[in-house]
């Protein structure tokens, strides 16, 4: 069974660059990857917060958040 990986971002240039790197790097045989643009999907901000995301871009793998770069704080996206 594949693990879930969710990449949350806000659409800024840093986020888009990280998304492109992620698309090339993630092992699709091991992970079901989902890209969530929180600027366009504001209804998912609370989901990101619940997963421990404090700023974007961030990748959540198996419930563990990994912050890629200090970008926009989740509070700034609300």
C-alpha atoms as a PDB file:
ATOM      1  CA  UNK A   1       0.000   0.000   0.000  1.00  0.00           C
ATOM      2  CA  UNK A   2       1.316   3.436  -0.911  1.00  0.00           C
ATOM      3  CA  UNK A   3       1.939   6.141   1.685  1.00  0.00           C
ATOM      4  CA  UNK A   4       0.209   9.494   1.342  1.00  0.00           C
ATOM      5  CA  UNK A   5       2.366  12.552   0.604  1.00  0.00           C
ATOM      6  CA  UNK A   6       0.734  15.981   0.454  1.00  0.00           C
ATOM      7  CA  UNK A   7       2.613  19.059  -0.700  1.00  0.00           C
ATOM      8  CA  UNK A   8       1.033  22.300   0.516  1.00  0.00           C
ATOM      9  CA  UNK A   9       1.976  25.601  -1.067  1.00  0.00           C
ATOM     10  CA  UNK A  10       0.690  29.102  -1.745  1.00  0.00           C
ATOM     11  CA  UNK A  11       1.727  29.591  -5.370  1.00  0.00           C
ATOM     12  CA  UNK A  12       4.723  31.879  -4.790  1.00  0.00           C
ATOM     13  CA  UNK A  13       7.866  31.401  -6.921  1.00  0.00           C
ATOM     14  CA  UNK A  14       9.632  29.476  -4.122  1.00  0.00           C
ATOM     15  CA  UNK A  15       6.613  27.181  -3.782  1.00  0.00           C
ATOM     16  CA  UNK A  16       6.348  26.561  -7.520  1.00  0.00           C
ATOM     17  CA  UNK A  17      10.072  25.749  -7.739  1.00  0.00           C
ATOM     18  CA  UNK A  18       9.718  23.329  -4.802  1.00  0.00           C
ATOM     19  CA  UNK A  19       6.689  21.726  -6.475  1.00  0.00           C
ATOM     20  CA  UNK A  20       8.690  21.120  -9.660  1.00  0.00           C
ATOM     21  CA  UNK A  21      11.566  19.589  -7.681  1.00  0.00           C
ATOM     22  CA  UNK A  22       9.127  17.416  -5.751  1.00  0.00           C
ATOM     23  CA  UNK A  23       7.498  16.129  -8.925  1.00  0.00           C
ATOM     24  CA  UNK A  24      10.884  14.931 -10.159  1.00  0.00           C
ATOM     25  CA  UNK A  25      12.056  13.520  -6.833  1.00  0.00           C
ATOM     26  CA  UNK A  26       9.115  11.697  -5.268  1.00  0.00           C
ATOM     27  CA  UNK A  27       8.911   7.956  -5.805  1.00  0.00           C
ATOM     28  CA  UNK A  28       5.478   7.415  -7.351  1.00  0.00           C
ATOM     29  CA  UNK A  29       5.760   3.682  -6.752  1.00  0.00           C
ATOM     30  CA  UNK A  30       5.935   4.339  -3.015  1.00  0.00           C
ATOM     31  CA  UNK A  31       3.801   7.466  -2.543  1.00  0.00           C
ATOM     32  CA  UNK A  32       0.436   8.799  -3.600  1.00  0.00           C
ATOM     33  CA  UNK A  33       1.395  12.454  -4.002  1.00  0.00           C
ATOM     34  CA  UNK A  34      -1.090  15.298  -3.905  1.00  0.00           C
ATOM     35  CA  UNK A  35      -0.359  18.963  -4.568  1.00  0.00           C
ATOM     36  CA  UNK A  36      -2.533  21.446  -2.664  1.00  0.00           C
ATOM     37  CA  UNK A  37      -2.393  25.144  -3.586  1.00  0.00           C
ATOM     38  CA  UNK A  38      -3.745  26.757  -0.421  1.00  0.00           C
ATOM     39  CA  UNK A  39      -4.248  30.081  -2.194  1.00  0.00           C
ATOM     40  CA  UNK A  40      -6.798  28.359  -4.425  1.00  0.00           C
ATOM     41  CA  UNK A  41      -8.083  25.811  -1.873  1.00  0.00           C
ATOM     42  CA  UNK A  42      -8.512  27.895   1.277  1.00  0.00           C
ATOM     43  CA  UNK A  43     -10.948  25.303   2.622  1.00  0.00           C
ATOM     44  CA  UNK A  44      -7.940  22.996   3.161  1.00  0.00           C
ATOM     45  CA  UNK A  45      -5.953  25.411   5.359  1.00  0.00           C
ATOM     46  CA  UNK A  46      -7.356  23.852   8.537  1.00  0.00           C
ATOM     47  CA  UNK A  47      -6.352  20.405   7.231  1.00  0.00           C
ATOM     48  CA  UNK A  48      -2.787  21.641   6.729  1.00  0.00           C
ATOM     49  CA  UNK A  49      -2.750  23.165  10.218  1.00  0.00           C
ATOM     50  CA  UNK A  50      -4.026  19.904  11.719  1.00  0.00           C
ATOM     51  CA  UNK A  51      -1.174  18.078   9.976  1.00  0.00           C
ATOM     52  CA  UNK A  52       1.323  20.397  11.688  1.00  0.00           C
ATOM     53  CA  UNK A  53       2.058  22.692   8.757  1.00  0.00           C
ATOM     54  CA  UNK A  54       3.164  26.084  10.103  1.00  0.00           C
ATOM     55  CA  UNK A  55       4.368  27.626   6.834  1.00  0.00           C
ATOM     56  CA  UNK A  56       4.454  26.803   3.156  1.00  0.00           C
ATOM     57  CA  UNK A  57       5.912  25.216   1.163  1.00  0.00           C
ATOM     58  CA  UNK A  58       5.659  22.062   3.234  1.00  0.00           C
ATOM     59  CA  UNK A  59       5.449  18.356   2.547  1.00  0.00           C
ATOM     60  CA  UNK A  60       3.503  16.007   4.813  1.00  0.00           C
ATOM     61  CA  UNK A  61       4.497  12.360   4.575  1.00  0.00           C
ATOM     62  CA  UNK A  62       2.756   9.752   6.705  1.00  0.00           C
ATOM     63  CA  UNK A  63       1.447  12.483   9.005  1.00  0.00           C
ATOM     64  CA  UNK A  64       4.852  14.127   9.546  1.00  0.00           C
ATOM     65  CA  UNK A  65       5.290  17.717   8.261  1.00  0.00           C
ATOM     66  CA  UNK A  66       8.540  18.775   6.610  1.00  0.00           C
ATOM     67  CA  UNK A  67       8.951  22.514   6.059  1.00  0.00           C
ATOM     68  CA  UNK A  68      10.952  23.144   2.910  1.00  0.00           C
ATOM     69  CA  UNK A  69      11.628  26.864   3.138  1.00  0.00           C
ATOM     70  CA  UNK A  70      10.346  29.585   5.411  1.00  0.00           C
ATOM     71  CA  UNK A  71       7.744  31.045   3.100  1.00  0.00           C
ATOM     72  CA  UNK A  72       4.276  32.247   4.011  1.00  0.00           C
ATOM     73  CA  UNK A  73       2.945  31.437   7.437  1.00  0.00           C
ATOM     74  CA  UNK A  74      -0.347  29.547   7.487  1.00  0.00           C
ATOM     75  CA  UNK A  75      -1.889  32.462   9.398  1.00  0.00           C
ATOM     76  CA  UNK A  76      -1.056  34.751   6.461  1.00  0.00           C
ATOM     77  CA  UNK A  77      -3.086  32.553   4.104  1.00  0.00           C
ATOM     78  CA  UNK A  78      -6.339  32.879   6.030  1.00  0.00           C
END
